[in-house]
C-alpha atoms as a PDB file:
ATOM      1  CA  MET A   1      39.986 -61.727  -0.291  1.00  0.00           C
ATOM      2  CA  ALA A   2      37.147 -59.530  -1.330  1.00  0.00           C
ATOM      3  CA  ASN A   3      33.357 -60.370  -1.387  1.00  0.00           C
ATOM      4  CA  VAL A   4      32.404 -59.997  -5.156  1.00  0.00           C
ATOM      5  CA  ILE A   5      28.903 -59.806  -6.608  1.00  0.00           C
ATOM      6  CA  VAL A   6      28.675 -61.484 -10.251  1.00  0.00           C
ATOM      7  CA  LYS A   7      25.593 -60.301 -12.342  1.00  0.00           C
ATOM      8  CA  SER A   8      23.835 -61.912 -14.670  1.00  0.00           C
ATOM      9  CA  ASP A   9      23.363 -59.822 -17.941  1.00  0.00           C
ATOM     10  CA  GLU A  10      19.290 -60.169 -16.599  1.00  0.00           C
ATOM     11  CA  ARG A  11      19.619 -58.485 -13.691  1.00  0.00           C
ATOM     12  CA  ILE A  12      22.070 -55.978 -15.005  1.00  0.00           C
ATOM     13  CA  ALA A  13      19.493 -54.744 -17.485  1.00  0.00           C
ATOM     14  CA  TYR A  14      16.965 -54.613 -14.842  1.00  0.00           C
ATOM     15  CA  GLU A  15      18.500 -52.811 -12.428  1.00  0.00           C
ATOM     16  CA  ALA A  16      19.223 -49.814 -15.120  1.00  0.00           C
ATOM     17  CA  GLN A  17      15.477 -50.524 -16.410  1.00  0.00           C
ATOM     18  CA  VAL A  18      15.135 -49.415 -12.662  1.00  0.00           C
ATOM     19  CA  ALA A  19      17.532 -46.418 -12.630  1.00  0.00           C
ATOM     20  CA  GLU A  20      15.939 -45.363 -16.127  1.00  0.00           C
ATOM     21  CA  SER A  21      12.434 -45.256 -14.766  1.00  0.00           C
ATOM     22  CA  PHE A  22      13.483 -42.779 -11.720  1.00  0.00           C
ATOM     23  CA  GLY A  23      14.827 -40.592 -14.645  1.00  0.00           C
ATOM     24  CA  CYS A  24      18.966 -41.428 -13.918  1.00  0.00           C
ATOM     25  CA  ARG A  25      20.064 -42.229 -17.419  1.00  0.00           C
ATOM     26  CA  GLY A  26      23.841 -42.298 -18.643  1.00  0.00           C
ATOM     27  CA  ASN A  27      26.266 -42.446 -15.787  1.00  0.00           C
ATOM     28  CA  ILE A  28      25.005 -42.591 -12.544  1.00  0.00           C
ATOM     29  CA  SER A  29      26.431 -42.182  -9.097  1.00  0.00           C
ATOM     30  CA  ALA A  30      27.111 -44.788  -6.937  1.00  0.00           C
ATOM     31  CA  GLU A  31      24.485 -43.831  -4.120  1.00  0.00           C
ATOM     32  CA  GLN A  32      22.257 -43.633  -7.242  1.00  0.00           C
ATOM     33  CA  ARG A  33      23.005 -47.372  -8.792  1.00  0.00           C
ATOM     34  CA  GLU A  34      22.325 -48.946  -4.728  1.00  0.00           C
ATOM     35  CA  GLN A  35      19.514 -47.201  -4.505  1.00  0.00           C
ATOM     36  CA  ALA A  36      18.119 -49.031  -8.191  1.00  0.00           C
ATOM     37  CA  GLU A  37      20.211 -52.361  -7.111  1.00  0.00           C
ATOM     38  CA  MET A  38      18.068 -52.247  -3.504  1.00  0.00           C
ATOM     39  CA  ILE A  39      14.559 -51.223  -5.188  1.00  0.00           C
ATOM     40  CA  ALA A  40      14.930 -54.116  -7.961  1.00  0.00           C
ATOM     41  CA  ALA A  41      16.076 -56.681  -5.092  1.00  0.00           C
ATOM     42  CA  LYS A  42      12.955 -55.649  -3.463  1.00  0.00           C
ATOM     43  CA  THR A  43      10.764 -56.138  -6.672  1.00  0.00           C
ATOM     44  CA  ARG A  44      11.839 -59.279  -7.484  1.00  0.00           C
ATOM     45  CA  GLU A  45      11.316 -60.758  -3.819  1.00  0.00           C
ATOM     46  CA  VAL A  46       7.702 -58.963  -3.542  1.00  0.00           C
ATOM     47  CA  CYS A  47       7.068 -60.436  -7.287  1.00  0.00           C
ATOM     48  CA  ARG A  48       8.555 -63.893  -6.687  1.00  0.00           C
ATOM     49  CA  ASP A  49       6.660 -64.542  -2.967  1.00  0.00           C
ATOM     50  CA  ASN A  50       3.474 -62.974  -4.794  1.00  0.00           C
ATOM     51  CA  HIS A  51       4.138 -65.994  -7.467  1.00  0.00           C
ATOM     52  CA  MET A  52       4.434 -68.548  -5.075  1.00  0.00           C
ATOM     53  CA  ASN A  53       1.377 -67.142  -3.411  1.00  0.00           C
ATOM     54  CA  GLY A  54      -1.037 -67.738  -6.080  1.00  0.00           C
ATOM     55  CA  GLY A  55      -0.377 -64.252  -7.707  1.00  0.00           C
ATOM     56  CA  TYR A  56       0.315 -63.360 -11.064  1.00  0.00           C
END
């Protein structure tokens, strides 16, 4: 059985926003998509941790 990641609409939109901020619009390569996913995940993690520690 293959591992499948089901993404929320919010997560998909945020990853697209991250990709666009780096100039990737429309059809992007798998490598660019993976990079946007990694950046978006790390950004969410940092924001969540900062919020828990009294920031934002």
